[in-house]
C-alpha cells in the first residue's frame, strides 16, 4: 500500500515491476504512486544530488537500501581485477552511503512530523565471511557499522545537538529466493520468497532494534552462528559454498 520510489539499472525490468505494482493497486482507494530512477550501483562517479532531485518534494519516511550482491565463482581475490573489486565495494557499500548522504536533509525534514526509518540490507555472510566472498562479506560489515554510526549521529548530536528523528538499522538476512541471484536456491523454510521476506520486513519496521533479522528463520540461523564455535560455522559455510559455486558455474 505504500507509494514508492524504486531504483534499478535496467529500464525494461523496471517497467515490468512498475506495471505489476500498479496492477496490484487498481480498484483500491488512492492508487499507489510509483516513481523510479536508474543508476548502475557498481560504478563510481554518480551525481547523487541530481539522482534524488526529482523526488525532493516527497515526504519520504522509509528507505530500504537493497542494492548489492556478488557473483559466485571459484576465483580467488588475487585472481580478480581491481575494477571488479571496486565494483563489488561500490555496489554493496559506497552507493548506499552516498545516496544516504544526498537524502539526509530531506529525511530530516520528514522526521519533523513523524518517524523516519532507513535500513541497510545486510547478510549473514557479513558474520561468517564465507570462502570466495571476502569482499562481499566485508562490504556488509561496513554497512552494519555505518548504520550504527549514523543512528548514533542522528540521536545524540543530530542538528544543533538535538535528535533529528531519523533512525538507521541493519537487516541480518540469509538466503532469499530471487531470479536475480546466481544459482538461485528454491524457496524453503530457510529460504523465503522475495514477497514473503518483504512482508516480514514491513512487519519488523518500528521494532526499535538497530540490528534486525526480519525473517524468523534467518534470526535462528544468526543466533546459531553466534552460539557455536567459529570453526563449525566456517566449515559448514565452506561446504555450502562449494555446492553453490559448482551450480553457478554449471549454469553459466
C-alpha atoms as a PDB file:
ATOM      1  CA  UNK A   1       0.000   0.000   0.000  1.00  0.00           C
ATOM      2  CA  UNK A   2       2.996   2.343   0.064  1.00  0.00           C
ATOM      3  CA  UNK A   3       3.804   4.903  -2.570  1.00  0.00           C
ATOM      4  CA  UNK A   4       7.295   4.006  -3.758  1.00  0.00           C
ATOM      5  CA  UNK A   5      10.423   5.291  -5.433  1.00  0.00           C
ATOM      6  CA  UNK A   6      12.345   2.398  -6.996  1.00  0.00           C
ATOM      7  CA  UNK A   7      15.898   2.091  -8.270  1.00  0.00           C
ATOM      8  CA  UNK A   8      17.256  -0.256 -10.917  1.00  0.00           C
ATOM      9  CA  UNK A   9      19.849  -0.162 -13.666  1.00  0.00           C
ATOM     10  CA  UNK A  10      17.710  -1.917 -16.300  1.00  0.00           C
ATOM     11  CA  UNK A  11      14.805   0.063 -17.780  1.00  0.00           C
ATOM     12  CA  UNK A  12      12.925  -2.894 -19.288  1.00  0.00           C
ATOM     13  CA  UNK A  13      12.919  -4.792 -15.971  1.00  0.00           C
ATOM     14  CA  UNK A  14      11.897  -1.628 -14.133  1.00  0.00           C
ATOM     15  CA  UNK A  15       8.908  -1.071 -16.402  1.00  0.00           C
ATOM     16  CA  UNK A  16       7.780  -4.651 -15.764  1.00  0.00           C
ATOM     17  CA  UNK A  17       7.927  -4.159 -11.976  1.00  0.00           C
ATOM     18  CA  UNK A  18       6.091  -0.831 -12.206  1.00  0.00           C
ATOM     19  CA  UNK A  19       3.302  -2.436 -14.273  1.00  0.00           C
ATOM     20  CA  UNK A  20       2.948  -5.239 -11.714  1.00  0.00           C
ATOM     21  CA  UNK A  21       2.754  -2.849  -8.774  1.00  0.00           C
ATOM     22  CA  UNK A  22       0.259  -0.555 -10.464  1.00  0.00           C
ATOM     23  CA  UNK A  23      -1.910  -3.538 -11.430  1.00  0.00           C
ATOM     24  CA  UNK A  24      -1.982  -4.647  -7.788  1.00  0.00           C
ATOM     25  CA  UNK A  25      -3.195  -1.208  -6.736  1.00  0.00           C
ATOM     26  CA  UNK A  26      -6.036  -0.887  -9.258  1.00  0.00           C
ATOM     27  CA  UNK A  27      -9.509  -0.586  -7.837  1.00  0.00           C
ATOM     28  CA  UNK A  28      -8.214   0.487  -4.415  1.00  0.00           C
ATOM     29  CA  UNK A  29      -8.737   3.897  -2.875  1.00  0.00           C
ATOM     30  CA  UNK A  30      -5.771   6.146  -3.508  1.00  0.00           C
ATOM     31  CA  UNK A  31      -3.943   4.158  -6.183  1.00  0.00           C
ATOM     32  CA  UNK A  32      -0.225   3.989  -5.498  1.00  0.00           C
ATOM     33  CA  UNK A  33       2.230   6.489  -6.927  1.00  0.00           C
ATOM     34  CA  UNK A  34       5.235   4.585  -8.301  1.00  0.00           C
ATOM     35  CA  UNK A  35       8.299   6.563  -9.374  1.00  0.00           C
ATOM     36  CA  UNK A  36      11.807   5.412 -10.246  1.00  0.00           C
ATOM     37  CA  UNK A  37      15.344   6.262 -11.295  1.00  0.00           C
ATOM     38  CA  UNK A  38      18.193   4.401 -12.999  1.00  0.00           C
ATOM     39  CA  UNK A  39      21.812   4.001 -11.936  1.00  0.00           C
ATOM     40  CA  UNK A  40      24.446   1.265 -12.083  1.00  0.00           C
ATOM     41  CA  UNK A  41      25.430   0.927  -8.427  1.00  0.00           C
ATOM     42  CA  UNK A  42      28.646  -0.915  -9.300  1.00  0.00           C
ATOM     43  CA  UNK A  43      30.043   2.208 -10.980  1.00  0.00           C
ATOM     44  CA  UNK A  44      31.546   5.254  -9.304  1.00  0.00           C
ATOM     45  CA  UNK A  45      31.057   8.908 -10.238  1.00  0.00           C
ATOM     46  CA  UNK A  46      27.277   9.313  -9.874  1.00  0.00           C
ATOM     47  CA  UNK A  47      25.842  12.762  -9.217  1.00  0.00           C
ATOM     48  CA  UNK A  48      23.706  11.689  -6.252  1.00  0.00           C
ATOM     49  CA  UNK A  49      22.182  15.128  -5.706  1.00  0.00           C
ATOM     50  CA  UNK A  50      20.940  15.018  -9.312  1.00  0.00           C
ATOM     51  CA  UNK A  51      19.609  11.452  -8.887  1.00  0.00           C
ATOM     52  CA  UNK A  52      17.371  12.431  -5.949  1.00  0.00           C
ATOM     53  CA  UNK A  53      16.465  15.929  -7.186  1.00  0.00           C
ATOM     54  CA  UNK A  54      13.216  14.833  -8.956  1.00  0.00           C
ATOM     55  CA  UNK A  55      11.930  13.470  -5.622  1.00  0.00           C
ATOM     56  CA  UNK A  56      12.901  16.427  -3.429  1.00  0.00           C
ATOM     57  CA  UNK A  57       9.307  17.440  -2.681  1.00  0.00           C
ATOM     58  CA  UNK A  58       8.264  13.961  -1.499  1.00  0.00           C
ATOM     59  CA  UNK A  59       7.662  13.107   2.161  1.00  0.00           C
ATOM     60  CA  UNK A  60       9.991  10.102   2.414  1.00  0.00           C
ATOM     61  CA  UNK A  61       9.612   8.080   5.617  1.00  0.00           C
ATOM     62  CA  UNK A  62      11.160   4.674   4.775  1.00  0.00           C
ATOM     63  CA  UNK A  63      14.339   3.905   2.844  1.00  0.00           C
ATOM     64  CA  UNK A  64      15.489   0.337   2.202  1.00  0.00           C
ATOM     65  CA  UNK A  65      18.952   0.043   0.653  1.00  0.00           C
ATOM     66  CA  UNK A  66      18.542  -3.325  -1.046  1.00  0.00           C
ATOM     67  CA  UNK A  67      21.227  -2.917  -3.731  1.00  0.00           C
ATOM     68  CA  UNK A  68      24.092  -5.371  -3.536  1.00  0.00           C
ATOM     69  CA  UNK A  69      25.338  -8.821  -4.383  1.00  0.00           C
ATOM     70  CA  UNK A  70      28.353 -10.696  -5.679  1.00  0.00           C
ATOM     71  CA  UNK A  71      28.828 -13.403  -8.250  1.00  0.00           C
ATOM     72  CA  UNK A  72      29.538 -16.989  -7.226  1.00  0.00           C
ATOM     73  CA  UNK A  73      32.892 -18.055  -8.607  1.00  0.00           C
ATOM     74  CA  UNK A  74      35.904 -20.150  -7.673  1.00  0.00           C
ATOM     75  CA  UNK A  75      38.175 -17.173  -8.439  1.00  0.00           C
ATOM     76  CA  UNK A  76      40.409 -16.009  -5.573  1.00  0.00           C
ATOM     77  CA  UNK A  77      40.874 -12.343  -4.664  1.00  0.00           C
ATOM     78  CA  UNK A  78      44.306 -12.260  -6.339  1.00  0.00           C
ATOM     79  CA  UNK A  79      42.640 -13.539  -9.489  1.00  0.00           C
ATOM     80  CA  UNK A  80      40.192 -10.645  -9.577  1.00  0.00           C
ATOM     81  CA  UNK A  81      40.812  -7.341 -11.331  1.00  0.00           C
ATOM     82  CA  UNK A  82      40.907  -4.054  -9.464  1.00  0.00           C
ATOM     83  CA  UNK A  83      37.846  -2.897 -11.423  1.00  0.00           C
ATOM     84  CA  UNK A  84      35.903  -5.977 -10.308  1.00  0.00           C
ATOM     85  CA  UNK A  85      36.801  -5.447  -6.635  1.00  0.00           C
ATOM     86  CA  UNK A  86      35.901  -1.747  -6.787  1.00  0.00           C
ATOM     87  CA  UNK A  87      32.599  -2.678  -8.433  1.00  0.00           C
ATOM     88  CA  UNK A  88      31.692  -5.059  -5.592  1.00  0.00           C
ATOM     89  CA  UNK A  89      32.573  -2.431  -2.966  1.00  0.00           C
ATOM     90  CA  UNK A  90      30.683   0.322  -4.802  1.00  0.00           C
ATOM     91  CA  UNK A  91      27.579  -1.828  -5.223  1.00  0.00           C
ATOM     92  CA  UNK A  92      27.486  -3.158  -1.666  1.00  0.00           C
ATOM     93  CA  UNK A  93      28.763  -0.159   0.307  1.00  0.00           C
ATOM     94  CA  UNK A  94      29.503   3.158  -1.326  1.00  0.00           C
ATOM     95  CA  UNK A  95      26.348   3.547  -3.430  1.00  0.00           C
ATOM     96  CA  UNK A  96      24.143   3.259  -0.330  1.00  0.00           C
ATOM     97  CA  UNK A  97      26.462   5.553   1.636  1.00  0.00           C
ATOM     98  CA  UNK A  98      26.422   8.394  -0.881  1.00  0.00           C
ATOM     99  CA  UNK A  99      22.712   8.018  -1.666  1.00  0.00           C
ATOM    100  CA  UNK A 100      22.005   8.323   2.065  1.00  0.00           C
ATOM    101  CA  UNK A 101      24.213  11.408   2.251  1.00  0.00           C
ATOM    102  CA  UNK A 102      22.185  13.036  -0.528  1.00  0.00           C
ATOM    103  CA  UNK A 103      18.844  12.107   1.084  1.00  0.00           C
ATOM    104  CA  UNK A 104      19.586  13.079   4.700  1.00  0.00           C
ATOM    105  CA  UNK A 105      18.412  16.741   4.588  1.00  0.00           C
ATOM    106  CA  UNK A 106      15.108  15.585   3.058  1.00  0.00           C
ATOM    107  CA  UNK A 107      14.725  12.761   5.598  1.00  0.00           C
ATOM    108  CA  UNK A 108      15.352  15.154   8.497  1.00  0.00           C
ATOM    109  CA  UNK A 109      12.588  17.448   7.219  1.00  0.00           C
ATOM    110  CA  UNK A 110      10.190  14.497   7.005  1.00  0.00           C
ATOM    111  CA  UNK A 111      11.121  13.442  10.563  1.00  0.00           C
ATOM    112  CA  UNK A 112       9.808  16.729  11.935  1.00  0.00           C
ATOM    113  CA  UNK A 113       6.287  15.316  11.579  1.00  0.00           C
ATOM    114  CA  UNK A 114       6.892  11.625  12.354  1.00  0.00           C
ATOM    115  CA  UNK A 115       9.411   8.788  12.449  1.00  0.00           C
ATOM    116  CA  UNK A 116      11.744   8.060   9.540  1.00  0.00           C
ATOM    117  CA  UNK A 117      13.491   4.695   9.158  1.00  0.00           C
ATOM    118  CA  UNK A 118      16.479   3.823   6.957  1.00  0.00           C
ATOM    119  CA  UNK A 119      17.516   0.175   6.595  1.00  0.00           C
ATOM    120  CA  UNK A 120      20.668  -1.244   5.008  1.00  0.00           C
ATOM    121  CA  UNK A 121      20.143  -4.806   3.782  1.00  0.00           C
ATOM    122  CA  UNK A 122      22.945  -6.905   5.219  1.00  0.00           C
ATOM    123  CA  UNK A 123      23.780 -10.576   5.045  1.00  0.00           C
ATOM    124  CA  UNK A 124      24.686 -13.477   7.287  1.00  0.00           C
ATOM    125  CA  UNK A 125      27.784 -13.569   5.068  1.00  0.00           C
ATOM    126  CA  UNK A 126      28.898 -10.451   6.920  1.00  0.00           C
ATOM    127  CA  UNK A 127      29.004 -12.528  10.120  1.00  0.00           C
ATOM    128  CA  UNK A 128      30.509 -15.685   8.635  1.00  0.00           C
ATOM    129  CA  UNK A 129      32.698 -14.315   5.791  1.00  0.00           C
ATOM    130  CA  UNK A 130      32.341 -17.410   3.574  1.00  0.00           C
ATOM    131  CA  UNK A 131      35.059 -18.657   1.239  1.00  0.00           C
ATOM    132  CA  UNK A 132      35.395 -16.768  -2.057  1.00  0.00           C
ATOM    133  CA  UNK A 133      33.247 -13.897  -0.732  1.00  0.00           C
ATOM    134  CA  UNK A 134      35.670 -11.838   1.417  1.00  0.00           C
ATOM    135  CA  UNK A 135      34.975  -8.516  -0.340  1.00  0.00           C
ATOM    136  CA  UNK A 136      31.204  -9.000  -0.273  1.00  0.00           C
ATOM    137  CA  UNK A 137      31.280 -10.005   3.408  1.00  0.00           C
ATOM    138  CA  UNK A 138      33.486  -7.055   4.353  1.00  0.00           C
ATOM    139  CA  UNK A 139      31.141  -4.695   2.497  1.00  0.00           C
ATOM    140  CA  UNK A 140      28.205  -5.952   4.572  1.00  0.00           C
ATOM    141  CA  UNK A 141      30.237  -5.437   7.744  1.00  0.00           C
ATOM    142  CA  UNK A 142      30.807  -1.866   6.578  1.00  0.00           C
ATOM    143  CA  UNK A 143      27.045  -1.358   6.297  1.00  0.00           C
ATOM    144  CA  UNK A 144      26.435  -2.618   9.833  1.00  0.00           C
ATOM    145  CA  UNK A 145      28.971  -0.173  11.274  1.00  0.00           C
ATOM    146  CA  UNK A 146      27.607   2.594   9.067  1.00  0.00           C
ATOM    147  CA  UNK A 147      24.052   2.001  10.314  1.00  0.00           C
ATOM    148  CA  UNK A 148      25.160   2.155  13.931  1.00  0.00           C
ATOM    149  CA  UNK A 149      27.317   5.231  13.410  1.00  0.00           C
ATOM    150  CA  UNK A 150      24.654   7.173  11.513  1.00  0.00           C
ATOM    151  CA  UNK A 151      22.000   6.204  14.051  1.00  0.00           C
ATOM    152  CA  UNK A 152      24.221   7.479  16.875  1.00  0.00           C
ATOM    153  CA  UNK A 153      24.889  10.700  14.957  1.00  0.00           C
ATOM    154  CA  UNK A 154      21.205  11.423  14.435  1.00  0.00           C
ATOM    155  CA  UNK A 155      20.217  10.505  18.018  1.00  0.00           C
ATOM    156  CA  UNK A 156      22.925  12.036  20.154  1.00  0.00           C
ATOM    157  CA  UNK A 157      24.251  15.028  18.200  1.00  0.00           C
ATOM    158  CA  UNK A 158      21.728  15.406  15.395  1.00  0.00           C
ATOM    159  CA  UNK A 159      21.279  19.003  14.288  1.00  0.00           C
ATOM    160  CA  UNK A 160      22.125  21.730  16.806  1.00  0.00           C
ATOM    161  CA  UNK A 161      22.724  18.953  19.363  1.00  0.00           C
ATOM    162  CA  UNK A 162      19.105  17.749  19.097  1.00  0.00           C
ATOM    163  CA  UNK A 163      17.866  14.359  17.821  1.00  0.00           C
ATOM    164  CA  UNK A 164      16.551  14.513  14.276  1.00  0.00           C
ATOM    165  CA  UNK A 165      14.118  11.560  14.384  1.00  0.00           C
ATOM    166  CA  UNK A 166      15.884   9.750  11.536  1.00  0.00           C
ATOM    167  CA  UNK A 167      16.738   6.187  12.630  1.00  0.00           C
ATOM    168  CA  UNK A 168      19.094   3.751  10.941  1.00  0.00           C
ATOM    169  CA  UNK A 169      19.097  -0.041  11.087  1.00  0.00           C
ATOM    170  CA  UNK A 170      20.900  -3.055   9.642  1.00  0.00           C
ATOM    171  CA  UNK A 171      19.000  -6.094   8.357  1.00  0.00           C
ATOM    172  CA  UNK A 172      20.545  -9.506   9.006  1.00  0.00           C
ATOM    173  CA  UNK A 173      19.424 -11.554   6.002  1.00  0.00           C
ATOM    174  CA  UNK A 174      20.046 -15.120   4.932  1.00  0.00           C
ATOM    175  CA  UNK A 175      19.156 -16.708   1.605  1.00  0.00           C
ATOM    176  CA  UNK A 176      16.109 -15.253  -0.185  1.00  0.00           C
ATOM    177  CA  UNK A 177      14.756 -16.780  -3.397  1.00  0.00           C
ATOM    178  CA  UNK A 178      15.257 -14.369  -6.276  1.00  0.00           C
ATOM    179  CA  UNK A 179      15.764 -14.771 -10.010  1.00  0.00           C
ATOM    180  CA  UNK A 180      18.452 -12.074  -9.774  1.00  0.00           C
ATOM    181  CA  UNK A 181      20.845 -14.466  -7.995  1.00  0.00           C
ATOM    182  CA  UNK A 182      23.385 -16.837  -9.499  1.00  0.00           C
ATOM    183  CA  UNK A 183      22.143 -20.388  -8.918  1.00  0.00           C
ATOM    184  CA  UNK A 184      19.028 -19.246  -7.002  1.00  0.00           C
ATOM    185  CA  UNK A 185      18.069 -21.510  -4.116  1.00  0.00           C
ATOM    186  CA  UNK A 186      14.487 -22.844  -4.260  1.00  0.00           C
ATOM    187  CA  UNK A 187      12.007 -21.485  -1.698  1.00  0.00           C
ATOM    188  CA  UNK A 188      12.082 -23.379   1.585  1.00  0.00           C
ATOM    189  CA  UNK A 189      11.775 -22.866   5.325  1.00  0.00           C
ATOM    190  CA  UNK A 190      15.218 -21.217   5.424  1.00  0.00           C
ATOM    191  CA  UNK A 191      14.873 -19.501   2.017  1.00  0.00           C
ATOM    192  CA  UNK A 192      11.700 -17.401   1.804  1.00  0.00           C
ATOM    193  CA  UNK A 193      10.375 -15.971  -1.418  1.00  0.00           C
ATOM    194  CA  UNK A 194      11.044 -12.282  -2.015  1.00  0.00           C
ATOM    195  CA  UNK A 195       7.371 -11.485  -1.309  1.00  0.00           C
ATOM    196  CA  UNK A 196       7.398 -13.406   1.965  1.00  0.00           C
ATOM    197  CA  UNK A 197      10.592 -11.697   3.065  1.00  0.00           C
ATOM    198  CA  UNK A 198       9.186  -8.274   2.133  1.00  0.00           C
ATOM    199  CA  UNK A 199       6.121  -8.879   4.323  1.00  0.00           C
ATOM    200  CA  UNK A 200       8.414  -9.866   7.214  1.00  0.00           C
ATOM    201  CA  UNK A 201      10.419  -6.675   6.690  1.00  0.00           C
ATOM    202  CA  UNK A 202       7.322  -4.475   6.800  1.00  0.00           C
ATOM    203  CA  UNK A 203       6.205  -6.234   9.997  1.00  0.00           C
ATOM    204  CA  UNK A 204       9.613  -5.546  11.596  1.00  0.00           C
ATOM    205  CA  UNK A 205       9.595  -1.810  10.905  1.00  0.00           C
ATOM    206  CA  UNK A 206       9.388   0.286  14.050  1.00  0.00           C
ATOM    207  CA  UNK A 207      10.503  -2.552  16.344  1.00  0.00           C
ATOM    208  CA  UNK A 208      13.139  -0.266  17.910  1.00  0.00           C
ATOM    209  CA  UNK A 209      16.141  -2.543  17.353  1.00  0.00           C
ATOM    210  CA  UNK A 210      19.123  -1.370  15.353  1.00  0.00           C
ATOM    211  CA  UNK A 211      20.073  -4.829  14.064  1.00  0.00           C
ATOM    212  CA  UNK A 212      17.036  -6.736  12.861  1.00  0.00           C
ATOM    213  CA  UNK A 213      16.550 -10.180  11.326  1.00  0.00           C
ATOM    214  CA  UNK A 214      13.076  -9.702   9.776  1.00  0.00           C
ATOM    215  CA  UNK A 215      12.536 -13.324   8.748  1.00  0.00           C
ATOM    216  CA  UNK A 216      12.345 -15.582  11.790  1.00  0.00           C
ATOM    217  CA  UNK A 217      14.412 -18.461  10.400  1.00  0.00           C
ATOM    218  CA  UNK A 218      17.240 -16.085   9.499  1.00  0.00           C
ATOM    219  CA  UNK A 219      17.133 -14.893  13.110  1.00  0.00           C
ATOM    220  CA  UNK A 220      17.523 -18.512  14.272  1.00  0.00           C
ATOM    221  CA  UNK A 221      20.467 -19.077  11.904  1.00  0.00           C
ATOM    222  CA  UNK A 222      22.126 -15.862  13.093  1.00  0.00           C
ATOM    223  CA  UNK A 223      21.707 -16.980  16.705  1.00  0.00           C
ATOM    224  CA  UNK A 224      23.219 -20.392  15.951  1.00  0.00           C
ATOM    225  CA  UNK A 225      26.222 -18.772  14.264  1.00  0.00           C
ATOM    226  CA  UNK A 226      26.861 -16.621  17.326  1.00  0.00           C
ATOM    227  CA  UNK A 227      26.300 -19.529  19.715  1.00  0.00           C
ATOM    228  CA  UNK A 228      28.621 -22.108  18.160  1.00  0.00           C
ATOM    229  CA  UNK A 229      32.394 -22.087  17.609  1.00  0.00           C
ATOM    230  CA  UNK A 230      33.699 -20.230  14.557  1.00  0.00           C
ATOM    231  CA  UNK A 231      35.345 -23.368  13.193  1.00  0.00           C
ATOM    232  CA  UNK A 232      31.972 -25.122  12.852  1.00  0.00           C
ATOM    233  CA  UNK A 233      30.334 -22.170  11.073  1.00  0.00           C
ATOM    234  CA  UNK A 234      33.366 -21.749   8.808  1.00  0.00           C
ATOM    235  CA  UNK A 235      33.436 -25.413   7.790  1.00  0.00           C
ATOM    236  CA  UNK A 236      29.684 -25.582   7.205  1.00  0.00           C
ATOM    237  CA  UNK A 237      29.625 -22.407   5.105  1.00  0.00           C
ATOM    238  CA  UNK A 238      32.644 -23.580   3.091  1.00  0.00           C
ATOM    239  CA  UNK A 239      30.846 -26.810   2.254  1.00  0.00           C
ATOM    240  CA  UNK A 240      27.712 -24.927   1.223  1.00  0.00           C
ATOM    241  CA  UNK A 241      29.749 -22.514  -0.909  1.00  0.00           C
ATOM    242  CA  UNK A 242      31.373 -25.415  -2.774  1.00  0.00           C
ATOM    243  CA  UNK A 243      27.941 -26.578  -3.854  1.00  0.00           C
ATOM    244  CA  UNK A 244      26.685 -23.095  -4.764  1.00  0.00           C
ATOM    245  CA  UNK A 245      29.797 -22.268  -6.803  1.00  0.00           C
ATOM    246  CA  UNK A 246      29.557 -25.587  -8.649  1.00  0.00           C
ATOM    247  CA  UNK A 247      25.894 -24.941  -9.514  1.00  0.00           C
ATOM    248  CA  UNK A 248      26.599 -21.365 -10.641  1.00  0.00           C
ATOM    249  CA  UNK A 249      29.491 -22.376 -12.877  1.00  0.00           C
ATOM    250  CA  UNK A 250      27.444 -25.226 -14.366  1.00  0.00           C
ATOM    251  CA  UNK A 251      24.630 -22.781 -15.237  1.00  0.00           C
ATOM    252  CA  UNK A 252      26.981 -20.337 -16.998  1.00  0.00           C
END
